[in-house]
PDB file of N, CA and C in Angstrom:
ATOM      1  N   UNK A   1      35.549  48.753 -68.467  1.00  0.00           N
ATOM      2  CA  UNK A   1      36.215  47.709 -68.233  1.00  0.00           C
ATOM      3  C   UNK A   1      37.151  47.998 -66.815  1.00  0.00           C
ATOM      4  N   UNK A   2      36.693  47.832 -65.637  1.00  0.00           N
ATOM      5  CA  UNK A   2      37.616  47.452 -64.545  1.00  0.00           C
ATOM      6  C   UNK A   2      38.434  46.750 -64.027  1.00  0.00           C
ATOM      7  N   UNK A   3      39.019  47.753 -63.230  1.00  0.00           N
ATOM      8  CA  UNK A   3      40.905  46.588 -62.481  1.00  0.00           C
ATOM      9  C   UNK A   3      40.494  45.703 -61.788  1.00  0.00           C
ATOM     10  N   UNK A   4      38.787  45.924 -61.139  1.00  0.00           N
ATOM     11  CA  UNK A   4      38.247  45.568 -59.338  1.00  0.00           C
ATOM     12  C   UNK A   4      37.114  45.707 -59.032  1.00  0.00           C
ATOM     13  N   UNK A   5      36.606  44.630 -59.252  1.00  0.00           N
ATOM     14  CA  UNK A   5      35.371  44.418 -58.441  1.00  0.00           C
ATOM     15  C   UNK A   5      34.998  43.919 -57.191  1.00  0.00           C
ATOM     16  N   UNK A   6      34.367  44.488 -56.085  1.00  0.00           N
ATOM     17  CA  UNK A   6      33.776  43.887 -55.074  1.00  0.00           C
ATOM     18  C   UNK A   6      32.416  43.593 -54.706  1.00  0.00           C
ATOM     19  N   UNK A   7      32.090  42.748 -53.839  1.00  0.00           N
ATOM     20  CA  UNK A   7      31.306  42.805 -53.910  1.00  0.00           C
ATOM     21  C   UNK A   7      30.711  41.486 -52.968  1.00  0.00           C
ATOM     22  N   UNK A   8      30.548  42.224 -51.587  1.00  0.00           N
ATOM     23  CA  UNK A   8      30.302  41.732 -50.420  1.00  0.00           C
ATOM     24  C   UNK A   8      28.774  41.125 -50.383  1.00  0.00           C
ATOM     25  N   UNK A   9      28.924  40.333 -49.222  1.00  0.00           N
ATOM     26  CA  UNK A   9      27.649  39.187 -48.766  1.00  0.00           C
ATOM     27  C   UNK A   9      26.011  39.252 -50.067  1.00  0.00           C
ATOM     28  N   UNK A  10      26.295  39.584 -51.241  1.00  0.00           N
ATOM     29  CA  UNK A  10      25.595  39.574 -52.239  1.00  0.00           C
ATOM     30  C   UNK A  10      25.256  37.922 -53.386  1.00  0.00           C
ATOM     31  N   UNK A  11      26.074  37.019 -53.154  1.00  0.00           N
ATOM     32  CA  UNK A  11      26.303  36.451 -53.933  1.00  0.00           C
ATOM     33  C   UNK A  11      24.911  35.431 -53.805  1.00  0.00           C
ATOM     34  N   UNK A  12      24.786  35.188 -52.301  1.00  0.00           N
ATOM     35  CA  UNK A  12      23.543  34.409 -51.260  1.00  0.00           C
ATOM     36  C   UNK A  12      22.370  34.407 -51.811  1.00  0.00           C
ATOM     37  N   UNK A  13      22.568  35.562 -51.924  1.00  0.00           N
ATOM     38  CA  UNK A  13      20.738  36.093 -52.077  1.00  0.00           C
ATOM     39  C   UNK A  13      19.993  35.841 -54.335  1.00  0.00           C
ATOM     40  N   UNK A  14      21.072  35.751 -54.944  1.00  0.00           N
ATOM     41  CA  UNK A  14      21.091  35.790 -56.043  1.00  0.00           C
ATOM     42  C   UNK A  14      20.459  34.682 -56.689  1.00  0.00           C
ATOM     43  N   UNK A  15      19.449  35.041 -57.173  1.00  0.00           N
ATOM     44  CA  UNK A  15      18.751  33.572 -57.828  1.00  0.00           C
ATOM     45  C   UNK A  15      19.782  32.736 -59.689  1.00  0.00           C
ATOM     46  N   UNK A  16      20.041  33.489 -59.806  1.00  0.00           N
ATOM     47  CA  UNK A  16      20.889  33.572 -61.383  1.00  0.00           C
ATOM     48  C   UNK A  16      22.086  33.407 -60.974  1.00  0.00           C
ATOM     49  N   UNK A  17      22.285  32.768 -60.413  1.00  0.00           N
ATOM     50  CA  UNK A  17      24.011  33.206 -60.298  1.00  0.00           C
ATOM     51  C   UNK A  17      25.346  33.156 -61.187  1.00  0.00           C
ATOM     52  N   UNK A  18      25.034  32.624 -62.319  1.00  0.00           N
ATOM     53  CA  UNK A  18      25.354  31.898 -63.367  1.00  0.00           C
ATOM     54  C   UNK A  18      25.237  33.893 -63.604  1.00  0.00           C
ATOM     55  N   UNK A  19      24.639  34.011 -63.927  1.00  0.00           N
ATOM     56  CA  UNK A  19      24.452  35.109 -64.418  1.00  0.00           C
ATOM     57  C   UNK A  19      25.121  36.187 -64.449  1.00  0.00           C
ATOM     58  N   UNK A  20      25.521  36.209 -62.695  1.00  0.00           N
ATOM     59  CA  UNK A  20      25.798  37.152 -62.220  1.00  0.00           C
ATOM     60  C   UNK A  20      27.632  37.160 -61.962  1.00  0.00           C
ATOM     61  N   UNK A  21      27.714  35.552 -62.158  1.00  0.00           N
ATOM     62  CA  UNK A  21      29.043  35.483 -62.145  1.00  0.00           C
ATOM     63  C   UNK A  21      30.057  35.836 -63.712  1.00  0.00           C
ATOM     64  N   UNK A  22      29.254  35.694 -64.955  1.00  0.00           N
ATOM     65  CA  UNK A  22      29.460  36.027 -66.039  1.00  0.00           C
ATOM     66  C   UNK A  22      29.040  37.514 -66.241  1.00  0.00           C
ATOM     67  N   UNK A  23      28.766  37.887 -65.451  1.00  0.00           N
ATOM     68  CA  UNK A  23      28.907  39.894 -65.938  1.00  0.00           C
ATOM     69  C   UNK A  23      29.700  40.150 -65.354  1.00  0.00           C
ATOM     70  N   UNK A  24      30.571  39.385 -64.246  1.00  0.00           N
ATOM     71  CA  UNK A  24      31.337  39.925 -62.787  1.00  0.00           C
ATOM     72  C   UNK A  24      32.875  39.933 -63.885  1.00  0.00           C
ATOM     73  N   UNK A  25      32.770  38.513 -64.591  1.00  0.00           N
ATOM     74  CA  UNK A  25      34.079  38.101 -65.529  1.00  0.00           C
ATOM     75  C   UNK A  25      33.685  39.378 -67.167  1.00  0.00           C
ATOM     76  N   UNK A  26      32.960  39.570 -67.269  1.00  0.00           N
ATOM     77  CA  UNK A  26      32.218  40.242 -69.020  1.00  0.00           C
ATOM     78  C   UNK A  26      33.036  42.265 -68.015  1.00  0.00           C
ATOM     79  N   UNK A  27      32.725  42.735 -67.078  1.00  0.00           N
ATOM     80  CA  UNK A  27      33.023  44.049 -66.662  1.00  0.00           C
ATOM     81  C   UNK A  27      34.386  44.053 -66.003  1.00  0.00           C
ATOM     82  N   UNK A  28      35.458  42.999 -66.371  1.00  0.00           N
ATOM     83  CA  UNK A  28      36.309  42.790 -65.496  1.00  0.00           C
ATOM     84  C   UNK A  28      37.854  43.021 -66.163  1.00  0.00           C
ATOM     85  N   UNK A  29      38.317  43.614 -66.721  1.00  0.00           N
ATOM     86  CA  UNK A  29      40.157  43.391 -67.509  1.00  0.00           C
ATOM     87  C   UNK A  29      40.850  41.460 -67.582  1.00  0.00           C
ATOM     88  N   UNK A  30      41.311  41.999 -68.057  1.00  0.00           N
ATOM     89  CA  UNK A  30      41.995  40.448 -68.387  1.00  0.00           C
ATOM     90  C   UNK A  30      42.790  41.222 -66.681  1.00  0.00           C
ATOM     91  N   UNK A  31      42.830  39.631 -66.133  1.00  0.00           N
ATOM     92  CA  UNK A  31      44.265  39.737 -64.809  1.00  0.00           C
ATOM     93  C   UNK A  31      43.356  40.960 -63.766  1.00  0.00           C
ATOM     94  N   UNK A  32      41.982  41.223 -64.051  1.00  0.00           N
ATOM     95  CA  UNK A  32      41.151  42.065 -62.923  1.00  0.00           C
ATOM     96  C   UNK A  32      40.845  41.351 -61.631  1.00  0.00           C
ATOM     97  N   UNK A  33      40.311  42.050 -60.521  1.00  0.00           N
ATOM     98  CA  UNK A  33      39.986  41.237 -59.782  1.00  0.00           C
ATOM     99  C   UNK A  33      38.535  41.803 -59.353  1.00  0.00           C
ATOM    100  N   UNK A  34      38.035  39.767 -58.965  1.00  0.00           N
ATOM    101  CA  UNK A  34      37.329  39.820 -58.600  1.00  0.00           C
ATOM    102  C   UNK A  34      37.317  40.003 -57.083  1.00  0.00           C
ATOM    103  N   UNK A  35      37.022  40.416 -56.169  1.00  0.00           N
ATOM    104  CA  UNK A  35      36.549  40.462 -54.723  1.00  0.00           C
ATOM    105  C   UNK A  35      35.417  40.388 -54.304  1.00  0.00           C
ATOM    106  N   UNK A  36      35.194  39.336 -53.398  1.00  0.00           N
ATOM    107  CA  UNK A  36      33.838  38.688 -52.731  1.00  0.00           C
ATOM    108  C   UNK A  36      33.896  37.494 -51.360  1.00  0.00           C
ATOM    109  N   UNK A  37      32.965  38.561 -50.746  1.00  0.00           N
ATOM    110  CA  UNK A  37      32.487  37.513 -49.615  1.00  0.00           C
ATOM    111  C   UNK A  37      31.206  36.869 -49.456  1.00  0.00           C
ATOM    112  N   UNK A  38      31.209  35.794 -48.754  1.00  0.00           N
ATOM    113  CA  UNK A  38      30.011  35.077 -48.520  1.00  0.00           C
ATOM    114  C   UNK A  38      29.671  34.595 -46.728  1.00  0.00           C
ATOM    115  N   UNK A  39      28.373  34.021 -47.030  1.00  0.00           N
ATOM    116  CA  UNK A  39      28.695  33.351 -45.454  1.00  0.00           C
ATOM    117  C   UNK A  39      29.051  31.642 -45.724  1.00  0.00           C
ATOM    118  N   UNK A  40      30.137  31.411 -44.904  1.00  0.00           N
ATOM    119  CA  UNK A  40      30.916  30.507 -45.074  1.00  0.00           C
ATOM    120  C   UNK A  40      30.292  28.949 -44.427  1.00  0.00           C
ATOM    121  N   UNK A  41      29.819  27.738 -45.322  1.00  0.00           N
ATOM    122  CA  UNK A  41      29.375  27.075 -44.727  1.00  0.00           C
ATOM    123  C   UNK A  41      30.159  25.750 -45.156  1.00  0.00           C
ATOM    124  N   UNK A  42      30.989  25.833 -44.197  1.00  0.00           N
ATOM    125  CA  UNK A  42      31.449  24.566 -43.910  1.00  0.00           C
ATOM    126  C   UNK A  42      31.323  22.756 -43.656  1.00  0.00           C
ATOM    127  N   UNK A  43      31.245  21.943 -43.959  1.00  0.00           N
ATOM    128  CA  UNK A  43      31.019  21.212 -43.349  1.00  0.00           C
ATOM    129  C   UNK A  43      30.850  21.058 -41.802  1.00  0.00           C
ATOM    130  N   UNK A  44      31.079  21.405 -41.038  1.00  0.00           N
ATOM    131  CA  UNK A  44      31.047  21.599 -39.854  1.00  0.00           C
ATOM    132  C   UNK A  44      30.135  22.342 -39.233  1.00  0.00           C
ATOM    133  N   UNK A  45      30.608  23.581 -39.768  1.00  0.00           N
ATOM    134  CA  UNK A  45      29.201  24.096 -38.956  1.00  0.00           C
ATOM    135  C   UNK A  45      27.495  24.103 -39.934  1.00  0.00           C
ATOM    136  N   UNK A  46      27.328  23.482 -40.584  1.00  0.00           N
ATOM    137  CA  UNK A  46      26.395  23.087 -41.507  1.00  0.00           C
ATOM    138  C   UNK A  46      25.828  22.232 -40.585  1.00  0.00           C
ATOM    139  N   UNK A  47      26.841  20.929 -39.876  1.00  0.00           N
ATOM    140  CA  UNK A  47      25.726  20.115 -38.949  1.00  0.00           C
ATOM    141  C   UNK A  47      25.784  20.350 -37.583  1.00  0.00           C
ATOM    142  N   UNK A  48      26.289  21.389 -36.940  1.00  0.00           N
ATOM    143  CA  UNK A  48      26.073  21.944 -36.112  1.00  0.00           C
ATOM    144  C   UNK A  48      24.850  23.197 -36.257  1.00  0.00           C
ATOM    145  N   UNK A  49      24.368  23.677 -37.233  1.00  0.00           N
ATOM    146  CA  UNK A  49      23.811  24.474 -37.629  1.00  0.00           C
ATOM    147  C   UNK A  49      22.355  23.153 -37.616  1.00  0.00           C
ATOM    148  N   UNK A  50      22.153  22.236 -38.020  1.00  0.00           N
ATOM    149  CA  UNK A  50      21.141  21.090 -38.518  1.00  0.00           C
ATOM    150  C   UNK A  50      21.090  20.601 -37.115  1.00  0.00           C
ATOM    151  N   UNK A  51      22.215  20.591 -36.293  1.00  0.00           N
ATOM    152  CA  UNK A  51      21.273  20.013 -34.678  1.00  0.00           C
ATOM    153  C   UNK A  51      20.799  20.846 -34.209  1.00  0.00           C
ATOM    154  N   UNK A  52      21.159  22.121 -34.419  1.00  0.00           N
ATOM    155  CA  UNK A  52      21.218  23.557 -32.802  1.00  0.00           C
ATOM    156  C   UNK A  52      20.329  24.321 -33.374  1.00  0.00           C
ATOM    157  N   UNK A  53      20.354  24.586 -34.753  1.00  0.00           N
ATOM    158  CA  UNK A  53      19.479  26.209 -35.304  1.00  0.00           C
ATOM    159  C   UNK A  53      19.169  25.829 -36.956  1.00  0.00           C
ATOM    160  N   UNK A  54      18.233  24.978 -37.255  1.00  0.00           N
ATOM    161  CA  UNK A  54      17.662  24.535 -38.478  1.00  0.00           C
ATOM    162  C   UNK A  54      16.787  25.383 -38.840  1.00  0.00           C
ATOM    163  N   UNK A  55      16.116  25.224 -37.960  1.00  0.00           N
ATOM    164  CA  UNK A  55      14.686  26.421 -38.146  1.00  0.00           C
ATOM    165  C   UNK A  55      15.067  27.803 -38.508  1.00  0.00           C
ATOM    166  N   UNK A  56      15.813  27.847 -37.691  1.00  0.00           N
ATOM    167  CA  UNK A  56      16.011  29.515 -37.583  1.00  0.00           C
ATOM    168  C   UNK A  56      16.616  30.059 -38.827  1.00  0.00           C
ATOM    169  N   UNK A  57      17.643  29.280 -39.218  1.00  0.00           N
ATOM    170  CA  UNK A  57      18.832  29.046 -40.339  1.00  0.00           C
ATOM    171  C   UNK A  57      17.943  28.706 -41.712  1.00  0.00           C
ATOM    172  N   UNK A  58      17.487  28.333 -42.277  1.00  0.00           N
ATOM    173  CA  UNK A  58      16.870  27.408 -43.035  1.00  0.00           C
ATOM    174  C   UNK A  58      15.485  27.683 -43.609  1.00  0.00           C
ATOM    175  N   UNK A  59      14.362  28.557 -42.551  1.00  0.00           N
ATOM    176  CA  UNK A  59      13.330  28.712 -43.103  1.00  0.00           C
ATOM    177  C   UNK A  59      12.869  29.306 -43.166  1.00  0.00           C
ATOM    178  N   UNK A  60      13.911  30.748 -43.179  1.00  0.00           N
ATOM    179  CA  UNK A  60      13.401  32.017 -43.924  1.00  0.00           C
ATOM    180  C   UNK A  60      12.925  32.202 -45.345  1.00  0.00           C
ATOM    181  N   UNK A  61      10.978  32.045 -44.492  1.00  0.00           N
ATOM    182  CA  UNK A  61      10.753  32.699 -45.702  1.00  0.00           C
ATOM    183  C   UNK A  61       9.772  34.036 -46.349  1.00  0.00           C
ATOM    184  N   UNK A  62      10.899  35.065 -45.363  1.00  0.00           N
ATOM    185  CA  UNK A  62      10.665  36.543 -45.249  1.00  0.00           C
ATOM    186  C   UNK A  62      11.755  37.235 -46.534  1.00  0.00           C
ATOM    187  N   UNK A  63      12.408  35.897 -47.238  1.00  0.00           N
ATOM    188  CA  UNK A  63      13.499  36.694 -47.818  1.00  0.00           C
ATOM    189  C   UNK A  63      15.051  35.980 -46.425  1.00  0.00           C
ATOM    190  N   UNK A  64      15.777  37.262 -47.680  1.00  0.00           N
ATOM    191  CA  UNK A  64      17.570  36.381 -47.198  1.00  0.00           C
ATOM    192  C   UNK A  64      17.908  35.540 -48.207  1.00  0.00           C
ATOM    193  N   UNK A  65      18.175  34.678 -47.486  1.00  0.00           N
ATOM    194  CA  UNK A  65      19.269  34.285 -48.323  1.00  0.00           C
ATOM    195  C   UNK A  65      19.015  32.580 -49.158  1.00  0.00           C
ATOM    196  N   UNK A  66      18.947  33.023 -50.612  1.00  0.00           N
ATOM    197  CA  UNK A  66      18.683  32.129 -51.691  1.00  0.00           C
ATOM    198  C   UNK A  66      19.546  30.335 -51.490  1.00  0.00           C
ATOM    199  N   UNK A  67      20.807  30.612 -50.875  1.00  0.00           N
ATOM    200  CA  UNK A  67      21.939  29.600 -51.474  1.00  0.00           C
ATOM    201  C   UNK A  67      23.100  29.286 -50.085  1.00  0.00           C
ATOM    202  N   UNK A  68      23.527  28.801 -49.829  1.00  0.00           N
ATOM    203  CA  UNK A  68      25.321  28.473 -49.270  1.00  0.00           C
ATOM    204  C   UNK A  68      25.893  27.515 -50.158  1.00  0.00           C
ATOM    205  N   UNK A  69      26.748  28.812 -49.789  1.00  0.00           N
ATOM    206  CA  UNK A  69      28.145  27.203 -50.626  1.00  0.00           C
ATOM    207  C   UNK A  69      29.379  27.200 -49.425  1.00  0.00           C
ATOM    208  N   UNK A  70      29.313  25.692 -50.041  1.00  0.00           N
ATOM    209  CA  UNK A  70      30.687  25.587 -49.250  1.00  0.00           C
ATOM    210  C   UNK A  70      32.281  25.494 -50.046  1.00  0.00           C
ATOM    211  N   UNK A  71      33.454  26.050 -49.234  1.00  0.00           N
ATOM    212  CA  UNK A  71      34.754  25.815 -50.143  1.00  0.00           C
ATOM    213  C   UNK A  71      34.812  25.523 -51.573  1.00  0.00           C
ATOM    214  N   UNK A  72      34.802  24.101 -52.034  1.00  0.00           N
ATOM    215  CA  UNK A  72      34.431  23.259 -52.922  1.00  0.00           C
ATOM    216  C   UNK A  72      33.249  23.937 -54.138  1.00  0.00           C
ATOM    217  N   UNK A  73      32.284  24.374 -54.052  1.00  0.00           N
ATOM    218  CA  UNK A  73      31.564  24.925 -54.263  1.00  0.00           C
ATOM    219  C   UNK A  73      32.057  25.830 -55.225  1.00  0.00           C
ATOM    220  N   UNK A  74      32.498  26.775 -54.050  1.00  0.00           N
ATOM    221  CA  UNK A  74      32.543  28.452 -55.048  1.00  0.00           C
ATOM    222  C   UNK A  74      34.816  28.202 -55.737  1.00  0.00           C
ATOM    223  N   UNK A  75      35.163  26.983 -55.269  1.00  0.00           N
ATOM    224  CA  UNK A  75      36.397  26.900 -56.015  1.00  0.00           C
ATOM    225  C   UNK A  75      35.766  26.266 -57.824  1.00  0.00           C
ATOM    226  N   UNK A  76      35.260  25.693 -57.267  1.00  0.00           N
ATOM    227  CA  UNK A  76      34.328  24.914 -58.841  1.00  0.00           C
ATOM    228  C   UNK A  76      33.521  26.728 -59.957  1.00  0.00           C
ATOM    229  N   UNK A  77      33.256  26.988 -59.532  1.00  0.00           N
ATOM    230  CA  UNK A  77      32.444  28.549 -59.495  1.00  0.00           C
ATOM    231  C   UNK A  77      33.515  29.721 -59.919  1.00  0.00           C
ATOM    232  N   UNK A  78      34.628  30.192 -59.225  1.00  0.00           N
ATOM    233  CA  UNK A  78      35.222  31.010 -59.839  1.00  0.00           C
ATOM    234  C   UNK A  78      36.310  30.306 -60.844  1.00  0.00           C
ATOM    235  N   UNK A  79      36.174  28.371 -61.597  1.00  0.00           N
ATOM    236  CA  UNK A  79      36.814  28.444 -62.231  1.00  0.00           C
ATOM    237  C   UNK A  79      35.901  28.327 -63.081  1.00  0.00           C
ATOM    238  N   UNK A  80      35.005  28.125 -63.690  1.00  0.00           N
ATOM    239  CA  UNK A  80      34.228  27.688 -64.525  1.00  0.00           C
ATOM    240  C   UNK A  80      34.171  28.766 -64.899  1.00  0.00           C
ATOM    241  N   UNK A  81      33.981  30.144 -64.626  1.00  0.00           N
ATOM    242  CA  UNK A  81      33.974  31.621 -64.623  1.00  0.00           C
ATOM    243  C   UNK A  81      35.021  32.464 -64.675  1.00  0.00           C
ATOM    244  N   UNK A  82      36.857  31.560 -65.399  1.00  0.00           N
ATOM    245  CA  UNK A  82      37.572  32.500 -65.971  1.00  0.00           C
ATOM    246  C   UNK A  82      37.786  32.867 -64.656  1.00  0.00           C
ATOM    247  N   UNK A  83      37.935  32.328 -63.506  1.00  0.00           N
ATOM    248  CA  UNK A  83      38.869  33.296 -62.173  1.00  0.00           C
ATOM    249  C   UNK A  83      39.226  31.853 -61.434  1.00  0.00           C
ATOM    250  N   UNK A  84      41.151  32.740 -61.301  1.00  0.00           N
ATOM    251  CA  UNK A  84      41.991  31.642 -60.739  1.00  0.00           C
ATOM    252  C   UNK A  84      41.576  32.451 -58.889  1.00  0.00           C
ATOM    253  N   UNK A  85      41.960  31.238 -57.761  1.00  0.00           N
ATOM    254  CA  UNK A  85      41.208  32.204 -56.460  1.00  0.00           C
ATOM    255  C   UNK A  85      43.589  32.307 -56.009  1.00  0.00           C
ATOM    256  N   UNK A  86      43.356  34.019 -55.888  1.00  0.00           N
ATOM    257  CA  UNK A  86      44.415  33.898 -55.712  1.00  0.00           C
ATOM    258  C   UNK A  86      45.412  33.635 -54.401  1.00  0.00           C
ATOM    259  N   UNK A  87      43.951  34.284 -52.737  1.00  0.00           N
ATOM    260  CA  UNK A  87      43.801  34.312 -51.912  1.00  0.00           C
ATOM    261  C   UNK A  87      41.957  34.215 -50.979  1.00  0.00           C
ATOM    262  N   UNK A  88      42.284  33.772 -50.168  1.00  0.00           N
ATOM    263  CA  UNK A  88      40.845  33.440 -49.578  1.00  0.00           C
ATOM    264  C   UNK A  88      40.754  33.258 -47.912  1.00  0.00           C
ATOM    265  N   UNK A  89      40.627  34.440 -47.091  1.00  0.00           N
ATOM    266  CA  UNK A  89      40.386  33.869 -45.586  1.00  0.00           C
ATOM    267  C   UNK A  89      39.269  33.435 -45.124  1.00  0.00           C
ATOM    268  N   UNK A  90      39.152  32.950 -43.870  1.00  0.00           N
ATOM    269  CA  UNK A  90      37.784  33.063 -43.407  1.00  0.00           C
ATOM    270  C   UNK A  90      37.579  34.804 -42.183  1.00  0.00           C
ATOM    271  N   UNK A  91      36.238  35.108 -41.292  1.00  0.00           N
ATOM    272  CA  UNK A  91      36.237  36.135 -41.590  1.00  0.00           C
ATOM    273  C   UNK A  91      34.920  36.052 -39.720  1.00  0.00           C
ATOM    274  N   UNK A  92      35.394  36.703 -39.404  1.00  0.00           N
ATOM    275  CA  UNK A  92      34.319  36.480 -37.928  1.00  0.00           C
ATOM    276  C   UNK A  92      34.673  34.796 -37.296  1.00  0.00           C
ATOM    277  N   UNK A  93      34.392  35.523 -36.076  1.00  0.00           N
ATOM    278  CA  UNK A  93      34.600  33.726 -35.082  1.00  0.00           C
ATOM    279  C   UNK A  93      35.741  33.288 -35.642  1.00  0.00           C
ATOM    280  N   UNK A  94      35.951  31.343 -35.121  1.00  0.00           N
ATOM    281  CA  UNK A  94      36.885  30.759 -35.558  1.00  0.00           C
ATOM    282  C   UNK A  94      36.451  29.700 -36.853  1.00  0.00           C
ATOM    283  N   UNK A  95      37.286  29.478 -36.900  1.00  0.00           N
ATOM    284  CA  UNK A  95      37.521  28.370 -38.112  1.00  0.00           C
ATOM    285  C   UNK A  95      37.040  27.276 -37.501  1.00  0.00           C
ATOM    286  N   UNK A  96      36.222  25.744 -37.602  1.00  0.00           N
ATOM    287  CA  UNK A  96      35.519  25.550 -38.680  1.00  0.00           C
ATOM    288  C   UNK A  96      33.831  26.463 -38.371  1.00  0.00           C
ATOM    289  N   UNK A  97      33.933  27.111 -38.437  1.00  0.00           N
ATOM    290  CA  UNK A  97      32.860  28.308 -37.567  1.00  0.00           C
ATOM    291  C   UNK A  97      32.419  29.887 -38.351  1.00  0.00           C
ATOM    292  N   UNK A  98      33.222  29.286 -38.818  1.00  0.00           N
ATOM    293  CA  UNK A  98      33.515  30.841 -39.128  1.00  0.00           C
ATOM    294  C   UNK A  98      32.026  31.420 -40.059  1.00  0.00           C
ATOM    295  N   UNK A  99      32.011  32.840 -39.889  1.00  0.00           N
ATOM    296  CA  UNK A  99      31.009  33.709 -40.696  1.00  0.00           C
ATOM    297  C   UNK A  99      31.129  33.857 -41.588  1.00  0.00           C
ATOM    298  N   UNK A 100      32.058  34.642 -42.461  1.00  0.00           N
ATOM    299  CA  UNK A 100      32.389  34.647 -44.056  1.00  0.00           C
ATOM    300  C   UNK A 100      33.266  33.882 -44.556  1.00  0.00           C
ATOM    301  N   UNK A 101      33.684  33.917 -45.705  1.00  0.00           N
ATOM    302  CA  UNK A 101      34.975  33.705 -46.271  1.00  0.00           C
ATOM    303  C   UNK A 101      34.585  35.006 -46.813  1.00  0.00           C
ATOM    304  N   UNK A 102      35.989  35.622 -47.424  1.00  0.00           N
ATOM    305  CA  UNK A 102      36.464  36.013 -48.064  1.00  0.00           C
ATOM    306  C   UNK A 102      37.200  35.378 -49.634  1.00  0.00           C
ATOM    307  N   UNK A 103      36.932  35.983 -50.273  1.00  0.00           N
ATOM    308  CA  UNK A 103      37.756  35.382 -51.308  1.00  0.00           C
ATOM    309  C   UNK A 103      37.982  36.314 -52.492  1.00  0.00           C
ATOM    310  N   UNK A 104      39.340  36.444 -53.114  1.00  0.00           N
ATOM    311  CA  UNK A 104      39.770  36.815 -54.077  1.00  0.00           C
ATOM    312  C   UNK A 104      40.120  36.289 -55.401  1.00  0.00           C
ATOM    313  N   UNK A 105      39.566  36.760 -56.263  1.00  0.00           N
ATOM    314  CA  UNK A 105      40.123  35.964 -57.679  1.00  0.00           C
ATOM    315  C   UNK A 105      40.292  36.604 -58.699  1.00  0.00           C
ATOM    316  N   UNK A 106      41.542  36.241 -59.927  1.00  0.00           N
ATOM    317  CA  UNK A 106      42.129  37.204 -60.979  1.00  0.00           C
ATOM    318  C   UNK A 106      41.444  36.252 -61.487  1.00  0.00           C
ATOM    319  N   UNK A 107      41.171  37.157 -62.630  1.00  0.00           N
ATOM    320  CA  UNK A 107      40.312  36.913 -63.667  1.00  0.00           C
ATOM    321  C   UNK A 107      41.792  36.113 -65.398  1.00  0.00           C
ATOM    322  N   UNK A 108      41.361  35.004 -65.351  1.00  0.00           N
ATOM    323  CA  UNK A 108      42.325  34.876 -66.017  1.00  0.00           C
ATOM    324  C   UNK A 108      42.027  34.195 -67.805  1.00  0.00           C
ATOM    325  N   UNK A 109      40.559  34.433 -67.586  1.00  0.00           N
ATOM    326  CA  UNK A 109      40.261  34.429 -69.246  1.00  0.00           C
ATOM    327  C   UNK A 109      38.620  35.039 -69.099  1.00  0.00           C
ATOM    328  N   UNK A 110      38.448  34.844 -70.941  1.00  0.00           N
ATOM    329  CA  UNK A 110      36.843  35.331 -70.930  1.00  0.00           C
ATOM    330  C   UNK A 110      36.089  33.965 -70.789  1.00  0.00           C
ATOM    331  N   UNK A 111      34.949  34.382 -70.211  1.00  0.00           N
ATOM    332  CA  UNK A 111      33.716  33.212 -70.456  1.00  0.00           C
ATOM    333  C   UNK A 111      33.009  34.083 -71.309  1.00  0.00           C
TER     334      UNK A 111
END
């Protein structure tokens, strides 16, 4: 069992995110920290992407990102898999078009 697990820019490349989050919960001690980053995709940034760079951003059939996460989705996933978000920050550029989001979750329960 680990006290801390760090996963940076990974979740958006995974097909079975439920398996991934279950495993993060399984390997952490109770009160352990799950630290992750993922590309930030809020409403304003998504609208800008759709208007000015849809093909470049979403038509990546050679690999890359499988999915994108909003803050609401990340909060729901963390809660479902036994984590309480204790810190969140935006990384790169300025909000609301930040490059990534940094989240620290504390394991509150086994799932």
